Every structure is written in C-alpha cells, then in structure tokens.
Amino acid sequence: MDTRAIVLLFPGQGSQYARMAAGLYGHEPEFTAAMDEAFAAFGPDGRALRTDWLAASPAVPVDHVTRSQPLLFAVGHALGRMLLRRGVEPAALLGHSVGEMAAAVLAGVFTLEDAAALLLDRVHRLAAAPPGGMLAVAATAAALEPFVTGEVVVAAVNAPRQTILAGPEGPLAEVARALAEAGLTCRPVPSLTAFHSPSLTAATAGAVERFAATAVAAPRIGLYSGYRAGPLTAELAADPAYWAGHPVEPVRFWPALDAVLRRHTGAVCVEAGPGQGLSTIARQHPAVRGGTSRVVPLLPARAGAPEADREALAAAFAALGAYVPGLSGALLR
C-alpha cells in the first residue's frame, strides 16, 4: 500500500452546473445521507434547494447566488462527508471561495447547522447586490494591472496564468472589450454576482455580527485558508471579520495550494465538488507535473448523464484504493 497524505479540494463559484452530482443521489448511501443532512440544515429553504437541484428545469437558475452558493456548499460537504465515512482520513482541506465553508464544517470549525444558517444569511444579503459578474483571463495578475479599475478588480489568483476579474455588469463588460482588443483570452465565469470585489461591501454589512454570535472551534483537520494562503489557525477561525469578508476579499488559491503541497510532499489531491476545475489547476503545480503528487477528481469534468457521476466516482475510488486501505473494495451500491 502506497500511503500518501490526502488533500481534499473544494471548488467554489463558477464550478456549478445543473444537477451537479445528482447522479449519486439515491445511489451512493453516504453521499445521499449527507445531502439530506445539508438540506435539513437549511431549514425551510432546504426543500426548494433540493427540488431545484434535482429538476431538469429549476425554478431558480443554478447560477443565481441563492442556488449556486448553498448547493456548492452542500455538494462539497456531502462528498467530503462521504469520503470520511468511507475511511478516508485527509491530512489537509483547502476550499476555493464558498468551498472553504464546506471545508470548515468538515474540519469542525462550524457545525453544519450553523454554517448553513450563516450561508443563507450571506446569500440573501448578496441577492440584493447590484448585478455583476466575473471573468477568467489567461494572464498573470500583474499583466492585468492596466485593466483593473476601482470597480473591476482581481477576484482570484487561481494559477500563474489564470486570473479572475470581478465587478459590476457595465464596467466588467468594458474591461472584457478592452481585454479582447489587447488580444487576451477571457471567458465569463458562471456567476450573476461580482464575488470577491468591493461592489459587495454594502451587501455584506451586518455579517460580522452574525459570525460573532456563532460558536466556532479550532480546526480538527489541517485547514488551509484560500484567502491568506496558509494554515487557518485557531485564532483566524475565531475571527468573525475573516469569515464575513469572504465575499469581498480576493481568493489566493494558487499560493494556498502551493503551501499545502510544500507541507505535504507527495500528496494526493482529491477534488470534492462538481467539474474538474481545481484538478486542472492542481495539475499545473510542479509537484504534480514532476510526478511527486497526484490528482483525483470525484466527478466528471462537465455536466452529463446521471450515470457519468457514478462512473466517475467509481473510477476515483479505484484510483484512491492504491493509497487508502480498504477503499478499493467500497463499491457503489
């Protein structure tokens, strides 16, 4: 048995798509139970979230903040909980944007019920924010400095040449035109909200008080901050301003991933969420390109038939069976 450190990666806004991971629901017992726990934690909103998640034509589109954020959280939490119940003992957890909330619950910082309440409070505030969006640009953050304005800012550094910009709808469209004229490749990120930009500052007013009134604990599993690019200490976990600032602060995923892989040499990075965006990023890291570390996504790269979810998970279990004792025999039922 080639035992290696397991690092769970939890994707955030932009990775969502209709019926993400729904092919596992009702087929994978641990995942199903964890999703039901998450929907119950969302209280009265849980039923509508579950209905829209499973619907071919949801009443509220999945890219809307009131759907994308809670469902990304629920799916990430359920996949992570499934792995833990199957015997996976992760050495580290790293989430991107709302993925950090799912990671924080698995690490024991928040209870599931408290995290769900905090997240619902957040998305209801953000739903009132001005229309905005996000752009993925194939360029370094430094190269984009001439295009950054007071309204359009660097929202995330995902990889050395993968930077996310965010801002209000109109100004972001102007920046997109300027980028195209400059010959820079960019594409919209599925989001109707300008996450990780100052345009959300007013909408997050009052969030600090909500977090301050919520009990927190020190992480029981190594939890890394995608905003500070290092370990999320007990002191940082206890800081309500840190959590309340997530919608406004830029994500520093690449330096955070680098910190994880420098600490856990030869780790296996498991993407616990829809798509394979974080897997694609992780494969660019020198530790993975050099063959020291590995990457295993749990779900397909894109939306597909329900069977594709189950096939992808079975392939992931087969791959992880080389590193996790007993997991290779844990077949889908």
Protein backbone atom coordinates (compact mmCIF):
# COMPACT_ATOMS: atom_id res chain seq x y z
CA MET A 1 0.00 0.00 0.00
CA ASP A 2 1.38 3.37 -1.10
CA THR A 3 0.12 5.51 1.80
CA ARG A 4 0.13 9.23 0.98
CA ALA A 5 -1.34 12.35 2.50
CA ILE A 6 -4.82 13.02 1.13
CA VAL A 7 -5.71 16.65 0.44
CA LEU A 8 -9.36 17.47 -0.25
CA LEU A 9 -10.05 20.41 -2.58
CA PHE A 10 -13.50 22.05 -2.55
CA PRO A 11 -14.46 24.21 -5.57
CA GLY A 12 -16.46 27.40 -5.41
CA GLN A 13 -18.45 29.81 -7.57
CA GLY A 14 -18.18 29.08 -11.29
CA SER A 15 -17.90 25.32 -10.94
CA GLN A 16 -21.65 24.80 -10.52
CA TYR A 17 -23.89 23.33 -13.19
CA ALA A 18 -27.43 21.96 -13.30
CA ARG A 19 -27.92 18.69 -11.38
CA MET A 20 -24.27 18.60 -10.29
CA ALA A 21 -23.59 15.25 -8.59
CA ALA A 22 -27.31 14.41 -8.68
CA GLY A 23 -26.46 11.08 -10.33
CA LEU A 24 -25.08 9.95 -6.95
CA TYR A 25 -28.24 10.83 -5.04
CA GLY A 26 -30.17 7.70 -4.16
CA HIS A 27 -27.30 5.50 -5.39
CA GLU A 28 -24.39 6.31 -3.06
CA PRO A 29 -25.71 5.92 0.51
CA GLU A 30 -23.22 8.12 2.37
CA PHE A 31 -23.50 10.93 -0.17
CA THR A 32 -27.30 10.75 -0.13
CA ALA A 33 -27.45 10.86 3.66
CA ALA A 34 -25.06 13.83 3.81
CA MET A 35 -27.04 15.78 1.18
CA ASP A 36 -30.23 15.17 3.15
CA GLU A 37 -28.46 16.40 6.29
CA ALA A 38 -27.44 19.57 4.46
CA PHE A 39 -30.93 20.21 3.11
CA ALA A 40 -32.34 19.71 6.62
CA ALA A 41 -29.77 22.17 7.97
CA PHE A 42 -31.04 24.80 5.53
CA GLY A 43 -34.42 24.63 7.24
CA PRO A 44 -37.44 25.85 5.23
CA ASP A 45 -35.17 26.74 2.30
CA GLY A 46 -33.89 23.18 2.08
CA ARG A 47 -36.89 21.73 0.25
CA ALA A 48 -36.75 24.34 -2.53
CA LEU A 49 -32.98 23.86 -2.84
CA ARG A 50 -33.39 20.09 -3.18
CA THR A 51 -36.21 20.48 -5.72
CA ASP A 52 -34.24 22.89 -7.91
CA TRP A 53 -31.08 20.77 -7.60
CA LEU A 54 -32.84 17.68 -8.94
CA ALA A 55 -35.04 19.47 -11.52
CA ALA A 56 -34.33 19.46 -15.24
CA SER A 57 -35.78 22.99 -15.34
CA PRO A 58 -35.30 24.58 -11.90
CA ALA A 59 -37.50 27.46 -10.78
CA VAL A 60 -34.37 29.45 -9.88
CA PRO A 61 -31.33 29.05 -12.18
CA VAL A 62 -28.29 27.38 -10.68
CA ASP A 63 -26.08 30.41 -11.39
CA HIS A 64 -28.19 32.62 -9.11
CA VAL A 65 -26.46 33.29 -5.80
CA THR A 66 -29.34 31.76 -3.82
CA ARG A 67 -28.78 28.46 -5.61
CA SER A 68 -25.11 28.28 -6.61
CA GLN A 69 -23.68 29.02 -3.16
CA PRO A 70 -25.86 26.74 -0.99
CA LEU A 71 -25.72 23.88 -3.49
CA LEU A 72 -21.95 24.10 -3.96
CA PHE A 73 -21.64 24.05 -0.18
CA ALA A 74 -24.00 21.07 0.14
CA VAL A 75 -22.36 19.01 -2.61
CA GLY A 76 -18.85 19.73 -1.31
CA HIS A 77 -19.89 18.86 2.23
CA ALA A 78 -21.63 15.65 1.12
CA LEU A 79 -18.69 14.44 -0.96
CA GLY A 80 -16.28 15.21 1.87
CA ARG A 81 -18.51 13.53 4.45
CA MET A 82 -18.85 10.50 2.17
CA LEU A 83 -15.07 10.14 1.98
CA LEU A 84 -14.68 10.46 5.74
CA ARG A 85 -17.37 7.83 6.31
CA ARG A 86 -15.61 5.56 3.82
CA GLY A 87 -12.44 5.71 5.86
CA VAL A 88 -10.50 8.49 4.15
CA GLU A 89 -8.51 10.50 6.70
CA PRO A 90 -7.45 13.74 4.98
CA ALA A 91 -4.27 15.45 6.08
CA ALA A 92 -5.46 18.82 4.77
CA LEU A 93 -8.53 20.62 3.44
CA LEU A 94 -8.49 23.56 1.02
CA GLY A 95 -11.57 25.29 -0.33
CA HIS A 96 -11.99 27.86 -3.07
CA SER A 97 -14.43 30.63 -2.11
CA VAL A 98 -17.61 29.02 -0.72
CA GLY A 99 -15.73 25.72 -0.77
CA GLU A 100 -13.89 26.96 2.32
CA MET A 101 -17.17 26.91 4.26
CA ALA A 102 -17.69 23.25 3.37
CA ALA A 103 -14.10 22.52 4.39
CA ALA A 104 -14.59 24.40 7.67
CA VAL A 105 -17.57 22.22 8.61
CA LEU A 106 -15.64 19.03 7.89
CA ALA A 107 -12.76 20.40 9.99
CA GLY A 108 -15.14 21.06 12.87
CA VAL A 109 -14.87 24.87 12.87
CA PHE A 110 -18.65 25.25 12.40
CA THR A 111 -21.48 22.84 12.91
CA LEU A 112 -23.40 22.01 9.74
CA GLU A 113 -26.46 23.81 11.09
CA ASP A 114 -24.56 26.99 11.95
CA ALA A 115 -22.71 27.06 8.61
CA ALA A 116 -25.96 26.60 6.69
CA ALA A 117 -27.60 29.46 8.60
CA LEU A 118 -24.60 31.74 8.03
CA LEU A 119 -24.52 30.87 4.35
CA LEU A 120 -28.22 31.55 3.88
CA ASP A 121 -27.80 34.89 5.62
CA ARG A 122 -24.93 35.67 3.25
CA VAL A 123 -26.72 34.77 0.02
CA HIS A 124 -29.86 36.66 0.99
CA ARG A 125 -27.72 39.75 1.53
CA LEU A 126 -25.82 39.23 -1.74
CA ALA A 127 -29.02 38.69 -3.71
CA ALA A 128 -29.71 42.40 -3.19
CA ALA A 129 -26.31 43.44 -4.57
CA PRO A 130 -26.08 45.23 -7.93
CA PRO A 131 -25.84 42.94 -11.00
CA GLY A 132 -22.27 41.89 -11.64
CA GLY A 133 -20.11 39.10 -12.95
CA MET A 134 -16.69 37.52 -13.21
CA LEU A 135 -14.15 36.94 -15.98
CA ALA A 136 -11.47 34.26 -16.21
CA VAL A 137 -8.42 35.65 -18.00
CA ALA A 138 -5.42 33.72 -19.29
CA ALA A 139 -2.87 36.15 -17.86
CA THR A 140 -0.98 36.91 -14.68
CA ALA A 141 -2.43 39.31 -12.14
CA ALA A 142 0.48 41.68 -12.84
CA ALA A 143 -0.30 41.72 -16.57
CA LEU A 144 -3.89 42.73 -15.80
CA GLU A 145 -2.99 45.77 -13.72
CA PRO A 146 -3.65 48.17 -16.64
CA PHE A 147 -7.20 46.82 -16.89
CA VAL A 148 -8.06 46.90 -13.20
CA THR A 149 -10.21 49.84 -12.13
CA GLY A 150 -11.79 50.98 -8.92
CA GLU A 151 -14.78 48.78 -9.70
CA VAL A 152 -13.26 45.85 -11.61
CA VAL A 153 -10.65 44.08 -9.52
CA VAL A 154 -8.64 40.87 -9.30
CA ALA A 155 -11.04 38.49 -7.58
CA ALA A 156 -8.91 35.34 -7.58
CA VAL A 157 -5.46 34.11 -8.48
CA ASN A 158 -6.12 30.51 -9.45
CA ALA A 159 -2.86 29.71 -11.23
CA PRO A 160 0.17 31.66 -12.52
CA ARG A 161 -1.67 32.49 -15.74
CA GLN A 162 -5.28 32.10 -14.64
CA THR A 163 -6.69 35.20 -13.00
CA ILE A 164 -10.31 36.01 -12.24
CA LEU A 165 -11.64 39.57 -12.50
CA ALA A 166 -14.94 40.70 -10.98
CA GLY A 167 -17.03 43.82 -10.94
CA PRO A 168 -20.38 45.41 -11.75
CA GLU A 169 -22.04 44.39 -15.01
CA GLY A 170 -21.34 47.53 -17.06
CA PRO A 171 -17.73 48.18 -16.06
CA LEU A 172 -16.90 44.47 -16.38
CA ALA A 173 -18.24 44.44 -19.94
CA GLU A 174 -15.99 47.41 -20.78
CA VAL A 175 -12.97 45.60 -19.36
CA ALA A 176 -13.87 42.48 -21.34
CA ARG A 177 -13.87 44.52 -24.55
CA ALA A 178 -10.51 46.07 -23.66
CA LEU A 179 -9.03 42.64 -22.95
CA ALA A 180 -10.25 41.33 -26.31
CA GLU A 181 -8.76 44.32 -28.11
CA ALA A 182 -5.46 43.63 -26.34
CA GLY A 183 -5.53 40.04 -27.58
CA LEU A 184 -6.02 38.50 -24.13
CA THR A 185 -8.17 35.39 -23.87
CA CYS A 186 -11.02 35.68 -21.40
CA ARG A 187 -14.33 33.98 -20.75
CA PRO A 188 -17.22 34.68 -18.39
CA VAL A 189 -17.37 32.72 -15.16
CA PRO A 190 -20.88 31.38 -14.44
CA SER A 191 -21.96 33.96 -11.88
CA LEU A 192 -24.56 36.71 -11.69
CA THR A 193 -22.71 38.30 -8.77
CA ALA A 194 -19.34 40.08 -8.62
CA PHE A 195 -17.85 37.85 -5.94
CA HIS A 196 -14.62 38.94 -4.24
CA SER A 197 -14.95 42.57 -5.24
CA PRO A 198 -15.68 45.84 -3.41
CA SER A 199 -19.09 46.08 -5.09
CA LEU A 200 -20.36 43.60 -2.47
CA THR A 201 -19.17 45.62 0.52
CA ALA A 202 -22.54 47.23 1.23
CA ALA A 203 -24.35 43.92 0.83
CA THR A 204 -22.20 42.26 3.49
CA ALA A 205 -22.92 44.89 6.15
CA GLY A 206 -24.02 43.19 9.34
CA ALA A 207 -22.40 39.85 8.52
CA VAL A 208 -19.65 40.32 11.12
CA GLU A 209 -22.26 40.42 13.87
CA ARG A 210 -23.81 37.17 12.64
CA PHE A 211 -20.47 35.39 12.64
CA ALA A 212 -19.55 36.89 16.02
CA ALA A 213 -22.72 35.38 17.50
CA THR A 214 -21.83 31.89 16.20
CA ALA A 215 -19.74 29.41 18.17
CA VAL A 216 -16.54 28.24 16.47
CA ALA A 217 -13.86 25.68 17.28
CA ALA A 218 -10.25 25.18 16.29
CA PRO A 219 -9.88 23.02 13.14
CA ARG A 220 -9.55 19.30 13.94
CA ILE A 221 -8.15 18.62 10.45
CA GLY A 222 -5.45 20.71 8.79
CA LEU A 223 -7.48 23.51 7.22
CA TYR A 224 -5.89 25.98 4.81
CA SER A 225 -7.15 29.46 4.04
CA GLY A 226 -7.69 30.25 0.39
CA TYR A 227 -7.61 33.93 1.34
CA ARG A 228 -4.46 34.00 3.50
CA ALA A 229 -2.64 31.29 1.53
CA GLY A 230 -1.59 29.40 4.64
CA PRO A 231 -2.92 27.31 7.53
CA LEU A 232 -6.17 28.52 9.03
CA THR A 233 -5.15 28.85 12.67
CA ALA A 234 -7.43 28.68 15.67
CA GLU A 235 -7.06 32.46 16.03
CA LEU A 236 -8.10 33.09 12.43
CA ALA A 237 -11.00 30.64 12.73
CA ALA A 238 -12.25 32.64 15.72
CA ASP A 239 -12.13 35.97 13.85
CA PRO A 240 -15.66 36.86 12.63
CA ALA A 241 -14.29 39.59 10.34
CA TYR A 242 -12.31 36.94 8.46
CA TRP A 243 -15.39 34.89 7.55
CA ALA A 244 -17.64 37.89 6.95
CA GLY A 245 -15.11 39.32 4.50
CA HIS A 246 -15.04 36.31 2.17
CA PRO A 247 -17.45 37.74 -0.45
CA VAL A 248 -15.29 40.87 -0.78
CA GLU A 249 -11.73 39.58 -0.36
CA PRO A 250 -9.72 38.09 -3.27
CA VAL A 251 -9.08 34.35 -3.31
CA ARG A 252 -5.41 33.32 -3.43
CA PHE A 253 -5.92 29.71 -4.40
CA TRP A 254 -2.61 29.10 -6.17
CA PRO A 255 -0.35 30.24 -3.31
CA ALA A 256 -2.60 28.35 -0.87
CA LEU A 257 -2.27 25.17 -2.96
CA ASP A 258 1.47 25.69 -3.11
CA ALA A 259 1.61 25.96 0.68
CA VAL A 260 -0.33 22.71 1.04
CA LEU A 261 1.83 20.75 -1.40
CA ARG A 262 5.04 22.07 0.11
CA ARG A 263 3.86 20.90 3.52
CA HIS A 264 2.51 17.54 2.30
CA THR A 265 5.06 16.19 -0.15
CA GLY A 266 3.68 13.53 -2.47
CA ALA A 267 0.06 14.26 -1.55
CA VAL A 268 -2.97 13.02 -3.47
CA CYS A 269 -5.27 15.98 -4.24
CA VAL A 270 -8.90 14.89 -4.37
CA GLU A 271 -11.37 17.36 -5.87
CA ALA A 272 -14.61 17.05 -3.88
CA GLY A 273 -17.05 19.03 -5.98
CA PRO A 274 -18.58 19.50 -9.43
CA GLY A 275 -16.37 19.65 -12.51
CA GLN A 276 -12.61 19.32 -12.54
CA GLY A 277 -11.54 22.96 -12.45
CA LEU A 278 -9.38 22.63 -9.35
CA SER A 279 -7.93 19.37 -10.67
CA THR A 280 -6.89 21.17 -13.85
CA ILE A 281 -5.24 23.89 -11.75
CA ALA A 282 -3.51 21.38 -9.46
CA ARG A 283 -2.06 19.53 -12.45
CA GLN A 284 -0.13 22.70 -13.28
CA HIS A 285 1.72 22.61 -9.97
CA PRO A 286 5.36 21.49 -10.19
CA ALA A 287 4.76 18.75 -7.62
CA VAL A 288 2.11 17.20 -9.85
CA ARG A 289 3.87 17.86 -13.17
CA GLY A 290 7.01 16.27 -11.74
CA GLY A 291 5.09 13.16 -10.67
CA THR A 292 5.54 13.63 -6.94
CA SER A 293 1.89 14.41 -6.20
CA ARG A 294 -1.29 13.06 -7.78
CA VAL A 295 -4.73 14.45 -8.64
CA VAL A 296 -8.02 12.52 -8.41
CA PRO A 297 -11.34 14.24 -9.25
CA LEU A 298 -14.51 12.65 -7.88
CA LEU A 299 -16.92 13.90 -10.55
CA PRO A 300 -16.91 14.34 -14.34
CA ALA A 301 -15.34 17.38 -15.97
CA ARG A 302 -18.72 18.64 -17.15
CA ALA A 303 -22.45 18.02 -16.83
CA GLY A 304 -23.70 14.77 -18.32
CA ALA A 305 -25.99 11.83 -17.78
CA PRO A 306 -26.55 10.64 -14.18
CA GLU A 307 -24.56 7.50 -14.94
CA ALA A 308 -21.49 9.67 -15.62
CA ASP A 309 -21.44 10.77 -11.97
CA ARG A 310 -21.43 7.18 -10.77
CA GLU A 311 -18.80 6.10 -13.28
CA ALA A 312 -16.52 8.99 -12.32
CA LEU A 313 -16.88 8.20 -8.61
CA ALA A 314 -16.18 4.51 -9.19
CA ALA A 315 -13.03 5.44 -11.13
CA ALA A 316 -11.98 7.79 -8.32
CA PHE A 317 -12.45 5.07 -5.71
CA ALA A 318 -10.38 2.69 -7.82
CA ALA A 319 -7.59 5.27 -8.06
CA LEU A 320 -7.74 6.14 -4.35
CA GLY A 321 -7.73 2.46 -3.41
CA ALA A 322 -3.98 2.46 -4.07
CA TYR A 323 -3.49 4.95 -1.23
CA VAL A 324 -6.37 4.35 1.21
CA PRO A 325 -6.59 0.90 2.85
CA GLY A 326 -9.93 -0.78 2.21
CA LEU A 327 -11.37 1.87 -0.08
CA SER A 328 -10.88 -0.17 -3.27
CA GLY A 329 -13.49 -2.61 -2.01
CA ALA A 330 -16.03 0.13 -1.20
CA LEU A 331 -18.17 -0.23 -4.29
CA LEU A 332 -21.25 1.81 -5.16
CA ARG A 333 -24.49 0.13 -4.23
